[in-house]
Amino acid sequence: MATNRTFTMLKPDSLEKGYTGAILEKINAAGFRIVAMKMTHMTKRDAEAFYAVHSERPFFGELVEYMTRGPIVAAILEKDNAVEDFRVLIGATNPEEAADGTIRKLYAASIGENAVHGSDSDENAAIEGAFHFSGREMF
């Protein structure tokens, strides 16, 4: 059963390039309601824990370094069919393969610096949201 919430992070590259407002505008225009949001800076320990599923992958060290090099914006979004609809909105991980008008097509530089994270399942959306927000931070 699909839930109506998903988790996203605007990654360090999108903040460094000043895309925060434009990305949030696309999220709002697509009908998502922001129920929790904050700017934060992940520590190495945070990034290692958040991306633990990738710990054995060859890119893990680079991923942790990338995600800790600057602040991120973490948010929980609400909309019917939130996870699937948000994955469509952000586009393919590789911006060269992303559909026109998607966030990654517009704002990502590469597979590694792909501007935004979107949960890939309802279960992960709940886990990832709880990683960054307490219950009293969601509205």
C-alpha atoms as a PDB file:
ATOM      1  CA  MET A   1       0.000   0.000   0.000  1.00  0.00           C
ATOM      2  CA  ALA A   2       1.433   3.373  -1.017  1.00  0.00           C
ATOM      3  CA  THR A   3       1.854   6.019   1.618  1.00  0.00           C
ATOM      4  CA  ASN A   4       1.522   9.720   1.061  1.00  0.00           C
ATOM      5  CA  ARG A   5       4.931  10.817   2.368  1.00  0.00           C
ATOM      6  CA  THR A   6       8.432  10.706   0.982  1.00  0.00           C
ATOM      7  CA  PHE A   7      11.830  12.003   2.007  1.00  0.00           C
ATOM      8  CA  THR A   8      14.185  14.209   0.027  1.00  0.00           C
ATOM      9  CA  MET A   9      17.541  15.885   0.476  1.00  0.00           C
ATOM     10  CA  LEU A  10      18.843  18.744  -1.591  1.00  0.00           C
ATOM     11  CA  LYS A  11      22.476  17.744  -1.780  1.00  0.00           C
ATOM     12  CA  PRO A  12      25.549  19.944  -1.228  1.00  0.00           C
ATOM     13  CA  ASP A  13      26.065  20.647  -4.941  1.00  0.00           C
ATOM     14  CA  SER A  14      22.566  22.070  -5.380  1.00  0.00           C
ATOM     15  CA  LEU A  15      23.036  24.367  -2.377  1.00  0.00           C
ATOM     16  CA  GLU A  16      26.509  25.443  -3.532  1.00  0.00           C
ATOM     17  CA  LYS A  17      25.095  26.431  -6.915  1.00  0.00           C
ATOM     18  CA  GLY A  18      22.163  28.346  -5.418  1.00  0.00           C
ATOM     19  CA  TYR A  19      19.436  26.015  -6.696  1.00  0.00           C
ATOM     20  CA  THR A  20      17.578  25.595  -3.393  1.00  0.00           C
ATOM     21  CA  GLY A  21      14.744  27.999  -4.173  1.00  0.00           C
ATOM     22  CA  ALA A  22      14.263  26.764  -7.723  1.00  0.00           C
ATOM     23  CA  ILE A  23      14.132  23.117  -6.617  1.00  0.00           C
ATOM     24  CA  LEU A  24      11.688  23.871  -3.801  1.00  0.00           C
ATOM     25  CA  GLU A  25       9.530  25.790  -6.286  1.00  0.00           C
ATOM     26  CA  LYS A  26       9.401  22.731  -8.594  1.00  0.00           C
ATOM     27  CA  ILE A  27       8.462  20.544  -5.622  1.00  0.00           C
ATOM     28  CA  ASN A  28       5.624  22.880  -4.648  1.00  0.00           C
ATOM     29  CA  ALA A  29       4.451  23.283  -8.251  1.00  0.00           C
ATOM     30  CA  ALA A  30       4.214  19.487  -8.537  1.00  0.00           C
ATOM     31  CA  GLY A  31       1.670  19.467  -5.705  1.00  0.00           C
ATOM     32  CA  PHE A  32       3.839  18.318  -2.817  1.00  0.00           C
ATOM     33  CA  ARG A  33       3.300  19.809   0.628  1.00  0.00           C
ATOM     34  CA  ILE A  34       6.395  20.220   2.798  1.00  0.00           C
ATOM     35  CA  VAL A  35       5.599  18.753   6.226  1.00  0.00           C
ATOM     36  CA  ALA A  36       9.144  19.010   7.629  1.00  0.00           C
ATOM     37  CA  MET A  37      12.240  20.838   6.407  1.00  0.00           C
ATOM     38  CA  LYS A  38      15.600  21.969   7.717  1.00  0.00           C
ATOM     39  CA  MET A  39      19.059  22.916   6.573  1.00  0.00           C
ATOM     40  CA  THR A  40      21.754  20.886   8.271  1.00  0.00           C
ATOM     41  CA  HIS A  41      25.309  19.694   7.756  1.00  0.00           C
ATOM     42  CA  MET A  42      25.767  15.934   7.884  1.00  0.00           C
ATOM     43  CA  THR A  43      28.761  14.699   9.829  1.00  0.00           C
ATOM     44  CA  LYS A  44      30.876  11.840   8.524  1.00  0.00           C
ATOM     45  CA  ARG A  45      29.141   9.550  11.010  1.00  0.00           C
ATOM     46  CA  ASP A  46      25.704  10.778   9.818  1.00  0.00           C
ATOM     47  CA  ALA A  47      26.542  10.161   6.157  1.00  0.00           C
ATOM     48  CA  GLU A  48      28.035   6.737   6.869  1.00  0.00           C
ATOM     49  CA  ALA A  49      24.911   5.740   8.790  1.00  0.00           C
ATOM     50  CA  PHE A  50      22.466   7.179   6.252  1.00  0.00           C
ATOM     51  CA  TYR A  51      24.206   5.453   3.332  1.00  0.00           C
ATOM     52  CA  ALA A  52      25.155   2.256   5.221  1.00  0.00           C
ATOM     53  CA  VAL A  53      23.387   0.187   2.564  1.00  0.00           C
ATOM     54  CA  HIS A  54      26.185   1.248   0.180  1.00  0.00           C
ATOM     55  CA  SER A  55      29.080   0.671   2.608  1.00  0.00           C
ATOM     56  CA  GLU A  56      30.574  -2.182   0.572  1.00  0.00           C
ATOM     57  CA  ARG A  57      30.296  -0.348  -2.756  1.00  0.00           C
ATOM     58  CA  PRO A  58      33.450   1.161  -4.292  1.00  0.00           C
ATOM     59  CA  PHE A  59      31.944   4.667  -4.356  1.00  0.00           C
ATOM     60  CA  PHE A  60      31.036   4.734  -0.636  1.00  0.00           C
ATOM     61  CA  GLY A  61      34.002   6.873   0.485  1.00  0.00           C
ATOM     62  CA  GLU A  62      33.399   9.428  -2.272  1.00  0.00           C
ATOM     63  CA  LEU A  63      29.682   9.508  -1.430  1.00  0.00           C
ATOM     64  CA  VAL A  64      30.378  10.216   2.245  1.00  0.00           C
ATOM     65  CA  GLU A  65      32.903  12.916   1.336  1.00  0.00           C
ATOM     66  CA  TYR A  66      30.453  14.528  -1.094  1.00  0.00           C
ATOM     67  CA  MET A  67      27.533  14.500   1.341  1.00  0.00           C
ATOM     68  CA  THR A  68      29.612  16.058   4.131  1.00  0.00           C
ATOM     69  CA  ARG A  69      31.315  18.808   2.124  1.00  0.00           C
ATOM     70  CA  GLY A  70      28.538  21.314   2.731  1.00  0.00           C
ATOM     71  CA  PRO A  71      25.027  21.746   4.067  1.00  0.00           C
ATOM     72  CA  ILE A  72      21.972  19.898   2.800  1.00  0.00           C
ATOM     73  CA  VAL A  73      18.265  20.642   2.979  1.00  0.00           C
ATOM     74  CA  ALA A  74      16.312  17.669   4.321  1.00  0.00           C
ATOM     75  CA  ALA A  75      12.548  17.549   3.848  1.00  0.00           C
ATOM     76  CA  ILE A  76       9.545  15.292   4.192  1.00  0.00           C
ATOM     77  CA  LEU A  77       6.997  15.772   1.450  1.00  0.00           C
ATOM     78  CA  GLU A  78       3.343  14.837   1.370  1.00  0.00           C
ATOM     79  CA  LYS A  79       1.141  14.013  -1.622  1.00  0.00           C
ATOM     80  CA  ASP A  80      -0.897  11.056  -2.822  1.00  0.00           C
ATOM     81  CA  ASN A  81       1.506   8.472  -4.276  1.00  0.00           C
ATOM     82  CA  ALA A  82       4.395  10.569  -2.926  1.00  0.00           C
ATOM     83  CA  VAL A  83       7.337   8.202  -3.432  1.00  0.00           C
ATOM     84  CA  GLU A  84       6.560   7.294  -7.017  1.00  0.00           C
ATOM     85  CA  ASP A  85       5.510  10.813  -8.040  1.00  0.00           C
ATOM     86  CA  PHE A  86       8.655  12.310  -6.515  1.00  0.00           C
ATOM     87  CA  ARG A  87      10.899   9.787  -8.282  1.00  0.00           C
ATOM     88  CA  VAL A  88       9.313  10.891 -11.565  1.00  0.00           C
ATOM     89  CA  LEU A  89       9.830  14.567 -10.652  1.00  0.00           C
ATOM     90  CA  ILE A  90      13.531  14.151  -9.858  1.00  0.00           C
ATOM     91  CA  GLY A  91      14.339  12.001 -12.889  1.00  0.00           C
ATOM     92  CA  ALA A  92      17.007   9.391 -13.524  1.00  0.00           C
ATOM     93  CA  THR A  93      20.161   9.366 -11.382  1.00  0.00           C
ATOM     94  CA  ASN A  94      22.200  10.131 -14.484  1.00  0.00           C
ATOM     95  CA  PRO A  95      21.121  13.627 -15.561  1.00  0.00           C
ATOM     96  CA  GLU A  96      21.964  12.780 -19.180  1.00  0.00           C
ATOM     97  CA  GLU A  97      19.251  10.095 -19.046  1.00  0.00           C
ATOM     98  CA  ALA A  98      16.745  12.162 -17.046  1.00  0.00           C
ATOM     99  CA  ALA A  99      13.591  13.360 -18.761  1.00  0.00           C
ATOM    100  CA  ASP A 100      13.336  17.009 -19.800  1.00  0.00           C
ATOM    101  CA  GLY A 101      11.999  19.228 -17.028  1.00  0.00           C
ATOM    102  CA  THR A 102      13.017  16.915 -14.190  1.00  0.00           C
ATOM    103  CA  ILE A 103      15.045  18.272 -11.291  1.00  0.00           C
ATOM    104  CA  ARG A 104      18.129  16.255 -12.181  1.00  0.00           C
ATOM    105  CA  LYS A 105      17.950  17.198 -15.867  1.00  0.00           C
ATOM    106  CA  LEU A 106      17.820  20.861 -14.864  1.00  0.00           C
ATOM    107  CA  TYR A 107      20.170  20.980 -11.862  1.00  0.00           C
ATOM    108  CA  ALA A 108      22.414  17.890 -11.639  1.00  0.00           C
ATOM    109  CA  ALA A 109      25.974  17.905 -12.971  1.00  0.00           C
ATOM    110  CA  SER A 110      26.646  14.150 -13.033  1.00  0.00           C
ATOM    111  CA  ILE A 111      25.665  10.760 -11.641  1.00  0.00           C
ATOM    112  CA  GLY A 112      27.781  11.502  -8.561  1.00  0.00           C
ATOM    113  CA  GLU A 113      26.618  15.089  -8.102  1.00  0.00           C
ATOM    114  CA  ASN A 114      22.962  14.579  -8.846  1.00  0.00           C
ATOM    115  CA  ALA A 115      21.481  17.499  -6.884  1.00  0.00           C
ATOM    116  CA  VAL A 116      18.747  15.708  -4.952  1.00  0.00           C
ATOM    117  CA  HIS A 117      17.905  12.479  -3.138  1.00  0.00           C
ATOM    118  CA  GLY A 118      14.488  10.873  -3.267  1.00  0.00           C
ATOM    119  CA  SER A 119      13.408   7.810  -1.311  1.00  0.00           C
ATOM    120  CA  ASP A 120      13.035   4.693  -3.447  1.00  0.00           C
ATOM    121  CA  SER A 121      10.263   3.020  -1.429  1.00  0.00           C
ATOM    122  CA  ASP A 122       7.622   3.792   1.173  1.00  0.00           C
ATOM    123  CA  GLU A 123       9.615   1.843   3.758  1.00  0.00           C
ATOM    124  CA  ASN A 124      12.817   3.783   3.056  1.00  0.00           C
ATOM    125  CA  ALA A 125      10.910   7.074   3.044  1.00  0.00           C
ATOM    126  CA  ALA A 126       9.810   6.387   6.633  1.00  0.00           C
ATOM    127  CA  ILE A 127      13.299   5.284   7.715  1.00  0.00           C
ATOM    128  CA  GLU A 128      15.052   8.218   6.037  1.00  0.00           C
ATOM    129  CA  GLY A 129      12.558  10.761   7.355  1.00  0.00           C
ATOM    130  CA  ALA A 130      12.968   9.438  10.894  1.00  0.00           C
ATOM    131  CA  PHE A 131      16.754   9.642  10.495  1.00  0.00           C
ATOM    132  CA  HIS A 132      16.554  13.431  10.054  1.00  0.00           C
ATOM    133  CA  PHE A 133      13.370  14.443  11.918  1.00  0.00           C
ATOM    134  CA  SER A 134      11.701  13.736  15.218  1.00  0.00           C
ATOM    135  CA  GLY A 135       7.924  13.429  15.374  1.00  0.00           C
ATOM    136  CA  ARG A 136       7.561  16.930  16.780  1.00  0.00           C
ATOM    137  CA  GLU A 137       9.364  18.362  13.724  1.00  0.00           C
ATOM    138  CA  MET A 138       6.725  17.119  11.248  1.00  0.00           C
ATOM    139  CA  PHE A 139       3.539  19.050  10.610  1.00  0.00           C
END
